[in-house]
Amino acid sequence: MASDVVERLKAADLSGGLVVPGSADFDRRRRIWNGVVDRHPAAIVRPATADEAADVVRAAAECDALLSVRCGGHSFPGHSTCDGGVVLELSAMRSVSVDPATGLCVVGGGALLGDVDRAALPHGLAVPAGVVSHTGIGGLTLGGGMGWLSRLHGLTIDALLGVDIVTADGALRRASAESEPDLFWALRGGGGNFGVVVAFEFRACGMGPVSAGKWVYPLADIHDAMLGAAELAGDAPRELTVSFSATRLGLALTAFWAGPRARADAALARFGRLTASAAGGHGPVSFLDLQTRTDDHSAWGRRYYARGGFVRHVDAALVDCIVDALAEAPTDHSEVYVPQLGGAVADVDEDATAYSGREAGFYWLVEPIWDDPVEDARCLEWGRRHGGRLAARSMDTNYVNEQADTGGDFPEQAYGHSKYRRLSDIKARYDPSNLFRLNANIAPTANPPPRRDSELGGYGFGGRGIP
């Protein structure tokens, strides 16, 4: 099977080339962002056009080969690579074009968030997206996409006007509100289940000067700081967003303001006065600099696990769980990260997109971060155990992007039964053989094919480097 697809891909003569085991740069190219994941595909291909991407999809389907799609490579469980299959790497399709007059932004399927920011911001525009600039636009968008602009302008999918997508039959389709609307509904939150998106079209939002503040509070003050900040933020206009990053070294509180500059000081300064022990300050910032602020913290090659969930409010019981987790944190960088939602995110009806979590006020993420493989078991156990404790206090649905364990019944839990059934029906129409199964997988309704254990999403289901 692997040899058949490699021969097919060689014959296709793709302009981006074919990298196979033994190639000079194979070991470099097979690596992804999460250093825990260490897999060996049979081939890595880098199509440069939609037609070439379609050739790769057809070859994988006809040879019954395992297919992984890679944009930024940030998948926590390693869905952007595989053992013995084909990695379709979109990095040659990173173009970004912006029309300043209309705000239309057309983005290649392999672009990173930083590519989009650097193209749009000089025109006073931005696409609402994530907070780490080397994240791929593809995976982020298809799962939903949350970041600093979410409360003011909505999720990334709320700015999405349409996509060009190669489906499992090798056809290039346009999905939008007018063309293939069911598919477009599913793509806005349904992850990579339905094909390879080779281009996204967004409506960018206006982006003026912004300000931000960052304060570090000692852990002894975490209850006063988190509960006080959450109360202030809950009553604040949607131009303001807060996030918390709690480690065993302290609580970092960031507040972002995208409203009138004259009101920035009043909006931000109070977050530095929650206790007498705060260290930090606030002022005007470059949004581009803000978007790259955590790039090194989330650097390529470090080791990661994540489990997250939605909550309506930050309350004392939630903070208690965070304190308990930090008391056992395995490394200094291991964190519980809590960004604020609400605002424009909740303006969209829950059933309007596949994304499930519009009513949440915050999202939490338990994320051990480490560098030494010797620490794998300890860090994974910490993440699973304390993620489970926080999950018990969370909403029923979930966000598929920020999860390392995505197998079993997780997808149905994440979407809820009704949405999952609708997604399964759409999956059966566009991918009846479940070719696109390396994701938080939605099985097609009719006779889903069995999957090998090594293909199941999430840590602990096989794959080199996964304990």
Protein backbone atom coordinates (compact mmCIF):
# COMPACT_ATOMS: atom_id res chain seq x y z
CA MET A 1 0.00 0.00 0.00
CA ALA A 2 2.73 2.46 0.98
CA SER A 3 4.90 1.49 -1.98
CA ASP A 4 1.95 1.84 -4.36
CA VAL A 5 1.15 5.38 -3.28
CA VAL A 6 4.81 6.42 -3.42
CA GLU A 7 5.04 5.19 -7.00
CA ARG A 8 1.83 7.05 -7.88
CA LEU A 9 3.18 10.25 -6.37
CA LYS A 10 6.49 9.90 -8.20
CA ALA A 11 4.60 9.60 -11.46
CA ALA A 12 2.56 12.70 -10.66
CA ASP A 13 5.77 14.80 -10.83
CA LEU A 14 4.60 17.34 -8.28
CA SER A 15 6.37 20.68 -8.48
CA GLY A 16 7.03 20.76 -4.74
CA GLY A 17 8.78 17.41 -4.86
CA LEU A 18 8.50 14.19 -2.92
CA VAL A 19 10.41 13.44 0.26
CA VAL A 20 10.73 9.80 1.30
CA PRO A 21 12.75 7.93 3.95
CA GLY A 22 16.42 8.20 3.00
CA SER A 23 16.02 11.66 1.44
CA ALA A 24 18.50 14.20 2.76
CA ASP A 25 15.86 16.34 4.46
CA PHE A 26 13.39 13.62 5.42
CA ASP A 27 14.17 13.69 9.12
CA ARG A 28 13.76 17.46 9.26
CA ARG A 29 10.58 17.52 7.22
CA ARG A 30 8.84 14.76 9.14
CA ARG A 31 9.09 16.69 12.43
CA ILE A 32 6.13 18.64 13.69
CA TRP A 33 5.61 21.29 16.36
CA ASN A 34 4.96 18.89 19.27
CA GLY A 35 8.22 17.14 20.07
CA VAL A 36 6.39 14.25 21.76
CA VAL A 37 5.19 13.06 18.35
CA ASP A 38 7.85 11.11 16.43
CA ARG A 39 6.36 9.44 13.36
CA HIS A 40 7.71 8.17 10.05
CA PRO A 41 5.50 8.64 6.99
CA ALA A 42 6.11 6.79 3.75
CA ALA A 43 6.13 10.08 1.84
CA ILE A 44 5.88 13.83 2.39
CA VAL A 45 4.53 15.79 -0.56
CA ARG A 46 4.37 19.55 -1.00
CA PRO A 47 1.81 20.48 -3.67
CA ALA A 48 2.05 24.02 -5.00
CA THR A 49 -1.41 24.25 -6.60
CA ALA A 50 -4.95 23.08 -5.97
CA ASP A 51 -4.67 20.64 -8.86
CA GLU A 52 -1.56 19.10 -7.35
CA ALA A 53 -3.27 18.80 -3.97
CA ALA A 54 -6.11 17.00 -5.74
CA ASP A 55 -3.60 14.60 -7.33
CA VAL A 56 -2.26 13.72 -3.88
CA VAL A 57 -5.74 13.12 -2.47
CA ARG A 58 -6.68 10.88 -5.40
CA ALA A 59 -3.47 8.89 -5.09
CA ALA A 60 -4.02 8.30 -1.37
CA ALA A 61 -7.66 7.34 -1.87
CA GLU A 62 -7.02 4.95 -4.76
CA CYS A 63 -4.12 3.27 -2.95
CA ASP A 64 -6.02 3.12 0.35
CA ALA A 65 -3.15 4.98 2.00
CA LEU A 66 -3.30 6.80 5.30
CA LEU A 67 -3.42 10.56 4.58
CA SER A 68 -2.36 13.35 6.89
CA VAL A 69 -2.78 17.05 6.06
CA ARG A 70 -0.30 19.58 7.44
CA CYS A 71 -0.58 23.34 7.52
CA GLY A 72 1.31 24.72 10.52
CA GLY A 73 1.92 21.32 12.13
CA HIS A 74 0.49 22.45 15.49
CA SER A 75 -1.82 19.49 16.11
CA PHE A 76 -1.36 18.49 19.77
CA PRO A 77 -1.98 14.75 19.11
CA GLY A 78 0.11 14.77 15.93
CA HIS A 79 -2.64 14.53 13.31
CA SER A 80 -0.40 16.46 10.92
CA THR A 81 1.83 13.43 10.47
CA CYS A 82 1.48 9.64 10.47
CA ASP A 83 3.34 6.35 10.38
CA GLY A 84 3.56 4.68 6.98
CA GLY A 85 1.20 7.02 5.14
CA VAL A 86 1.29 10.24 3.14
CA VAL A 87 1.75 13.71 4.60
CA LEU A 88 0.24 16.37 2.35
CA GLU A 89 2.16 19.47 3.40
CA LEU A 90 0.61 22.79 2.37
CA SER A 91 3.60 25.03 3.11
CA ALA A 92 4.07 25.92 -0.59
CA MET A 93 0.59 27.50 -0.61
CA ARG A 94 1.14 30.46 1.74
CA SER A 95 0.12 33.42 -0.38
CA VAL A 96 -2.05 36.13 1.20
CA SER A 97 -3.79 38.82 -0.84
CA VAL A 98 -5.67 41.73 0.72
CA ASP A 99 -8.04 44.15 -0.97
CA PRO A 100 -7.93 47.29 1.19
CA ALA A 101 -11.05 48.70 -0.44
CA THR A 102 -13.33 45.75 0.32
CA GLY A 103 -11.52 44.09 3.21
CA LEU A 104 -11.46 40.77 1.35
CA CYS A 105 -8.50 38.62 2.33
CA VAL A 106 -7.68 35.46 0.33
CA VAL A 107 -5.31 33.14 2.16
CA GLY A 108 -3.52 30.05 0.90
CA GLY A 109 -4.24 26.85 2.80
CA GLY A 110 -0.65 26.61 4.06
CA ALA A 111 -0.37 30.14 5.45
CA LEU A 112 0.54 30.82 9.06
CA LEU A 113 -1.17 33.37 11.28
CA GLY A 114 1.87 35.61 11.03
CA ASP A 115 1.59 35.62 7.23
CA VAL A 116 -1.98 36.90 7.51
CA ASP A 117 -1.13 39.54 10.11
CA ARG A 118 1.82 40.88 8.13
CA ALA A 119 -0.30 41.17 4.98
CA ALA A 120 -3.41 42.73 6.55
CA LEU A 121 -2.17 45.03 9.31
CA PRO A 122 -0.39 47.54 7.03
CA HIS A 123 -3.82 48.24 5.51
CA GLY A 124 -5.42 48.80 8.91
CA LEU A 125 -7.11 45.39 8.73
CA ALA A 126 -6.97 42.11 10.63
CA VAL A 127 -8.52 38.66 10.50
CA PRO A 128 -9.57 37.46 13.98
CA ALA A 129 -7.29 34.53 14.75
CA GLY A 130 -5.13 32.90 17.38
CA VAL A 131 -2.29 34.11 19.58
CA VAL A 132 0.79 32.18 18.34
CA SER A 133 2.04 33.47 14.99
CA HIS A 134 3.51 30.18 13.73
CA THR A 135 0.13 28.42 13.99
CA GLY A 136 -1.38 27.33 10.66
CA ILE A 137 -4.45 29.21 9.49
CA GLY A 138 -6.02 25.95 8.27
CA GLY A 139 -6.27 23.97 11.47
CA LEU A 140 -7.09 27.03 13.54
CA THR A 141 -9.93 28.13 11.25
CA LEU A 142 -11.51 24.73 10.72
CA GLY A 143 -11.79 24.20 14.46
CA GLY A 144 -13.19 27.67 15.15
CA GLY A 145 -10.34 30.05 15.95
CA MET A 146 -10.25 32.16 19.12
CA GLY A 147 -7.92 35.00 20.08
CA TRP A 148 -7.59 38.64 21.12
CA LEU A 149 -10.21 39.90 18.66
CA SER A 150 -12.87 37.26 19.35
CA ARG A 151 -14.98 39.32 21.76
CA LEU A 152 -14.99 42.30 19.41
CA HIS A 153 -15.22 40.61 16.01
CA GLY A 154 -16.06 36.94 16.62
CA LEU A 155 -14.22 33.71 15.94
CA THR A 156 -12.07 33.16 12.87
CA ILE A 157 -14.93 31.18 11.30
CA ASP A 158 -17.24 34.17 11.77
CA ALA A 159 -15.05 36.14 9.35
CA LEU A 160 -14.96 33.26 6.84
CA LEU A 161 -16.81 33.88 3.57
CA GLY A 162 -15.86 30.73 1.69
CA VAL A 163 -13.22 28.13 0.96
CA ASP A 164 -11.77 26.22 -1.96
CA ILE A 165 -11.56 22.61 -0.83
CA VAL A 166 -10.41 19.31 -2.32
CA THR A 167 -12.77 16.60 -1.12
CA ALA A 168 -12.11 12.86 -0.85
CA ASP A 169 -13.09 12.22 -4.49
CA GLY A 170 -10.35 14.58 -5.65
CA ALA A 171 -12.83 17.26 -6.73
CA LEU A 172 -12.09 20.94 -6.14
CA ARG A 173 -15.20 22.58 -4.69
CA ARG A 174 -16.23 26.01 -3.54
CA ALA A 175 -18.04 26.02 -0.20
CA SER A 176 -19.82 29.14 1.02
CA ALA A 177 -23.22 30.27 2.22
CA GLU A 178 -24.41 30.13 -1.41
CA SER A 179 -22.48 27.11 -2.72
CA GLU A 180 -22.57 23.77 -0.86
CA PRO A 181 -23.94 25.44 2.30
CA ASP A 182 -24.10 22.20 4.32
CA LEU A 183 -20.41 21.63 3.73
CA PHE A 184 -19.69 25.25 4.62
CA TRP A 185 -21.63 24.82 7.86
CA ALA A 186 -19.58 21.73 8.74
CA LEU A 187 -16.25 23.34 7.91
CA ARG A 188 -16.87 26.10 10.45
CA GLY A 189 -15.86 24.06 13.48
CA GLY A 190 -15.86 20.51 12.11
CA GLY A 191 -12.08 20.37 11.77
CA GLY A 192 -10.23 18.62 8.97
CA ASN A 193 -12.85 15.93 8.47
CA PHE A 194 -14.13 17.03 5.07
CA GLY A 195 -11.15 17.68 2.82
CA VAL A 196 -8.06 19.77 2.15
CA VAL A 197 -8.76 23.50 2.16
CA VAL A 198 -6.40 25.08 -0.37
CA ALA A 199 -7.72 28.65 0.01
CA PHE A 200 -9.75 30.63 2.53
CA GLU A 201 -11.61 33.87 1.87
CA PHE A 202 -12.12 36.13 4.88
CA ARG A 203 -13.77 39.47 5.49
CA ALA A 204 -11.13 41.34 7.48
CA CYS A 205 -12.11 43.80 10.20
CA GLY A 206 -10.81 47.31 10.73
CA MET A 207 -7.81 47.48 13.04
CA GLY A 208 -6.81 50.70 14.75
CA PRO A 209 -4.28 51.37 17.53
CA VAL A 210 -4.48 48.97 20.47
CA SER A 211 -3.21 48.83 24.03
CA ALA A 212 -2.43 46.03 26.44
CA GLY A 213 -1.33 45.48 29.99
CA LYS A 214 0.41 42.59 31.67
CA TRP A 215 0.73 42.06 35.40
CA VAL A 216 2.17 39.17 37.41
CA TYR A 217 0.52 38.31 40.70
CA PRO A 218 2.00 35.88 43.28
CA LEU A 219 0.16 32.61 43.65
CA ALA A 220 -0.88 33.64 47.15
CA ASP A 221 -3.09 36.28 45.47
CA ILE A 222 -4.51 34.08 42.72
CA HIS A 223 -8.07 33.99 44.09
CA ASP A 224 -8.32 37.75 44.52
CA ALA A 225 -6.64 38.43 41.18
CA MET A 226 -8.57 35.94 39.03
CA LEU A 227 -11.96 36.48 40.60
CA GLY A 228 -11.51 40.24 40.65
CA ALA A 229 -10.35 40.39 37.04
CA ALA A 230 -13.14 38.09 35.87
CA GLU A 231 -15.73 40.30 37.58
CA LEU A 232 -14.29 43.45 35.99
CA ALA A 233 -14.04 41.80 32.57
CA GLY A 234 -17.56 40.43 32.76
CA ASP A 235 -18.99 43.94 32.96
CA ALA A 236 -16.56 45.43 30.43
CA PRO A 237 -17.35 46.35 26.82
CA ARG A 238 -16.34 43.85 24.19
CA GLU A 239 -13.38 46.02 23.18
CA LEU A 240 -11.68 44.57 26.28
CA THR A 241 -10.43 41.00 26.65
CA VAL A 242 -8.48 39.36 29.46
CA SER A 243 -6.55 36.14 29.73
CA PHE A 244 -4.80 34.33 32.56
CA SER A 245 -1.71 32.15 32.45
CA ALA A 246 -1.10 30.43 35.78
CA THR A 247 2.12 28.53 36.44
CA ARG A 248 3.82 27.50 39.67
CA LEU A 249 5.80 30.76 39.36
CA GLY A 250 2.73 33.00 39.55
CA LEU A 251 -0.33 34.32 37.72
CA ALA A 252 0.21 36.37 34.57
CA LEU A 253 -2.83 38.51 33.76
CA THR A 254 -3.04 40.15 30.35
CA ALA A 255 -5.70 42.70 29.43
CA PHE A 256 -6.17 43.84 25.81
CA TRP A 257 -8.01 46.97 24.68
CA ALA A 258 -9.09 47.58 21.07
CA GLY A 259 -11.32 50.59 21.70
CA PRO A 260 -10.69 54.35 21.59
CA ARG A 261 -7.18 55.22 22.75
CA ALA A 262 -8.53 57.89 25.11
CA ARG A 263 -10.32 55.22 27.13
CA ALA A 264 -7.44 52.73 27.24
CA ASP A 265 -5.97 53.84 30.57
CA ALA A 266 -9.29 53.65 32.40
CA ALA A 267 -10.06 50.27 30.85
CA LEU A 268 -6.71 48.66 31.65
CA ALA A 269 -5.21 50.25 34.77
CA ARG A 270 -7.67 48.66 37.20
CA PHE A 271 -6.37 45.17 36.31
CA GLY A 272 -3.06 46.12 37.91
CA ARG A 273 -4.69 47.11 41.20
CA LEU A 274 -6.43 43.88 42.17
CA THR A 275 -3.97 43.33 45.05
CA ALA A 276 -1.00 45.29 46.33
CA SER A 277 1.46 42.72 44.98
CA ALA A 278 1.03 43.19 41.22
CA ALA A 279 4.09 43.79 39.07
CA GLY A 280 3.70 45.11 35.52
CA GLY A 281 2.06 47.87 33.56
CA HIS A 282 0.10 48.85 30.47
CA GLY A 283 0.33 51.05 27.40
CA PRO A 284 0.05 51.19 23.62
CA VAL A 285 1.34 48.10 21.80
CA SER A 286 1.87 46.92 18.26
CA PHE A 287 -0.75 44.27 17.53
CA LEU A 288 1.83 42.40 15.45
CA ASP A 289 4.18 42.32 18.45
CA LEU A 290 1.35 41.15 20.68
CA GLN A 291 0.60 38.32 18.26
CA THR A 292 4.19 37.05 18.53
CA ARG A 293 4.59 37.53 22.29
CA THR A 294 4.12 33.83 23.15
CA ASP A 295 5.91 32.36 20.12
CA ASP A 296 9.01 31.35 22.10
CA HIS A 297 6.96 29.95 24.99
CA SER A 298 5.16 27.76 22.42
CA ALA A 299 8.27 27.05 20.36
CA TRP A 300 8.67 24.25 17.84
CA GLY A 301 10.20 21.07 19.21
CA ARG A 302 9.12 21.44 22.82
CA ARG A 303 6.90 18.73 24.29
CA TYR A 304 3.20 19.41 24.82
CA TYR A 305 -0.05 17.94 26.03
CA ALA A 306 -3.37 19.78 26.29
CA ARG A 307 -6.84 19.30 27.60
CA GLY A 308 -9.37 22.11 27.61
CA GLY A 309 -12.98 22.98 28.20
CA PHE A 310 -15.60 25.73 28.25
CA VAL A 311 -16.96 27.40 31.38
CA ARG A 312 -19.60 30.09 31.69
CA HIS A 313 -17.84 31.91 34.53
CA VAL A 314 -14.62 31.92 36.51
CA ASP A 315 -15.67 31.09 40.07
CA ALA A 316 -13.91 30.18 43.30
CA ALA A 317 -14.29 26.43 42.73
CA LEU A 318 -12.59 26.71 39.33
CA VAL A 319 -9.72 28.69 40.86
CA ASP A 320 -9.41 26.06 43.59
CA CYS A 321 -8.91 23.40 40.90
CA ILE A 322 -6.26 25.57 39.23
CA VAL A 323 -4.43 26.06 42.55
CA ASP A 324 -4.44 22.31 43.16
CA ALA A 325 -3.01 21.71 39.69
CA LEU A 326 -0.25 24.26 40.14
CA ALA A 327 0.78 22.70 43.44
CA GLU A 328 1.80 19.61 41.44
CA ALA A 329 2.92 21.28 38.19
CA PRO A 330 5.76 19.21 36.72
CA THR A 331 7.73 22.11 35.14
CA ASP A 332 7.98 25.88 35.47
CA HIS A 333 6.36 26.41 32.05
CA SER A 334 3.44 24.03 32.57
CA GLU A 335 0.36 26.20 32.77
CA VAL A 336 -3.35 26.56 33.13
CA TYR A 337 -4.34 29.11 30.50
CA VAL A 338 -7.75 30.80 30.64
CA PRO A 339 -8.76 33.21 27.83
CA GLN A 340 -12.00 35.18 27.89
CA LEU A 341 -14.77 34.66 25.33
CA GLY A 342 -18.30 36.07 25.05
CA GLY A 343 -19.10 39.30 23.24
CA ALA A 344 -19.30 38.81 19.48
CA VAL A 345 -18.71 35.06 19.83
CA ALA A 346 -22.11 34.76 21.46
CA ASP A 347 -23.82 36.95 18.83
CA VAL A 348 -23.87 34.00 16.43
CA ASP A 349 -26.57 31.41 16.98
CA GLU A 350 -25.29 28.13 18.42
CA ASP A 351 -26.71 26.15 15.51
CA ALA A 352 -25.34 28.45 12.80
CA THR A 353 -21.97 26.67 12.67
CA ALA A 354 -20.54 23.33 13.74
CA TYR A 355 -18.48 25.06 16.46
CA SER A 356 -20.11 24.30 19.80
CA GLY A 357 -19.50 26.69 22.69
CA ARG A 358 -21.04 30.04 21.86
CA GLU A 359 -22.44 30.56 25.35
CA ALA A 360 -19.12 30.12 27.16
CA GLY A 361 -17.61 33.06 29.00
CA PHE A 362 -14.11 31.54 29.22
CA TYR A 363 -12.06 28.62 27.96
CA TRP A 364 -9.51 26.81 30.11
CA LEU A 365 -6.50 24.81 28.95
CA VAL A 366 -4.33 22.56 31.09
CA GLU A 367 -1.03 22.40 29.23
CA PRO A 368 2.12 20.76 30.52
CA ILE A 369 5.16 22.00 28.59
CA TRP A 370 8.50 20.26 28.92
CA ASP A 371 11.69 19.49 27.02
CA ASP A 372 13.17 16.26 28.41
CA PRO A 373 11.59 12.98 27.16
CA VAL A 374 12.35 11.48 30.56
CA GLU A 375 9.54 13.69 31.89
CA ASP A 376 6.91 12.39 29.43
CA ALA A 377 4.98 10.11 31.75
CA ARG A 378 4.90 12.58 34.65
CA CYS A 379 3.82 15.51 32.49
CA LEU A 380 1.14 13.55 30.63
CA GLU A 381 -0.28 12.19 33.88
CA TRP A 382 -0.47 15.70 35.36
CA GLY A 383 -2.23 17.06 32.29
CA ARG A 384 -4.78 14.26 32.14
CA ARG A 385 -5.54 14.20 35.84
CA HIS A 386 -5.99 17.92 36.38
CA GLY A 387 -7.65 18.37 33.01
CA GLY A 388 -10.17 15.79 34.15
CA ARG A 389 -10.83 17.68 37.37
CA LEU A 390 -11.49 20.91 35.48
CA ALA A 391 -13.59 19.07 32.91
CA ALA A 392 -15.94 17.96 35.68
CA ARG A 393 -16.77 21.64 36.26
CA SER A 394 -17.19 22.53 32.59
CA MET A 395 -19.88 22.78 29.92
CA ASP A 396 -20.92 19.68 28.01
CA THR A 397 -19.51 20.66 24.61
CA ASN A 398 -15.86 21.34 23.79
CA TYR A 399 -13.36 22.91 21.39
CA VAL A 400 -11.64 20.38 19.15
CA ASN A 401 -8.45 22.35 18.48
CA GLU A 402 -7.01 22.41 21.99
CA GLN A 403 -7.01 18.69 22.78
CA ALA A 404 -4.35 16.00 22.80
CA ASP A 405 -6.80 13.13 23.36
CA THR A 406 -9.34 13.14 20.54
CA GLY A 407 -10.25 9.48 20.14
CA GLY A 408 -13.13 7.44 21.53
CA ASP A 409 -16.32 9.37 22.15
CA PHE A 410 -14.61 12.76 22.38
CA PRO A 411 -15.89 14.10 19.02
CA GLU A 412 -19.53 13.37 19.84
CA GLN A 413 -19.10 14.89 23.29
CA ALA A 414 -17.45 17.98 21.80
CA TYR A 415 -20.30 18.70 19.38
CA GLY A 416 -23.24 17.22 21.23
CA HIS A 417 -25.38 14.44 19.80
CA SER A 418 -27.52 16.54 17.45
CA LYS A 419 -24.64 18.38 15.80
CA TYR A 420 -22.53 15.25 15.66
CA ARG A 421 -25.30 13.42 13.80
CA ARG A 422 -25.58 16.25 11.28
CA LEU A 423 -21.80 16.28 10.83
CA SER A 424 -21.81 12.50 10.33
CA ASP A 425 -24.43 12.81 7.60
CA ILE A 426 -22.37 15.47 5.82
CA LYS A 427 -19.25 13.38 6.25
CA ALA A 428 -21.00 10.44 4.58
CA ARG A 429 -21.77 12.60 1.55
CA TYR A 430 -18.29 14.05 1.09
CA ASP A 431 -16.00 11.40 2.58
CA PRO A 432 -17.88 8.08 2.82
CA SER A 433 -14.68 6.03 3.15
CA ASN A 434 -13.34 8.27 5.96
CA LEU A 435 -10.16 9.13 4.05
CA PHE A 436 -9.78 12.24 6.22
CA ARG A 437 -9.69 10.47 9.56
CA LEU A 438 -6.58 11.93 11.19
CA ASN A 439 -8.45 14.53 13.23
CA ALA A 440 -11.08 14.62 15.96
CA ASN A 441 -12.78 12.13 13.72
CA ILE A 442 -16.40 12.24 12.70
CA ALA A 443 -17.35 8.83 11.34
CA PRO A 444 -19.62 8.83 8.28
CA THR A 445 -23.16 7.83 9.14
CA ALA A 446 -23.43 4.81 6.86
CA ASN A 447 -21.16 1.85 7.61
CA PRO A 448 -18.04 3.67 8.80
CA PRO A 449 -14.94 1.59 8.03
CA PRO A 450 -12.98 0.17 10.96
CA ARG A 451 -9.87 2.08 11.94
CA ARG A 452 -6.58 0.61 13.06
CA ASP A 453 -5.52 1.52 16.60
CA SER A 454 -2.54 3.46 15.25
CA GLU A 455 -4.90 5.81 13.42
CA LEU A 456 -7.01 6.74 16.43
CA GLY A 457 -6.59 10.30 17.59
CA GLY A 458 -4.88 11.16 20.82
CA TYR A 459 -2.01 10.14 23.05
CA GLY A 460 -1.81 6.55 24.14
CA PHE A 461 -3.25 5.07 20.92
CA GLY A 462 0.02 4.16 19.24
CA GLY A 463 2.58 6.06 17.20
CA ARG A 464 6.29 6.43 17.96
CA GLY A 465 7.12 8.67 20.85
CA ILE A 466 3.66 8.45 22.43
CA PRO A 467 3.85 6.77 25.83
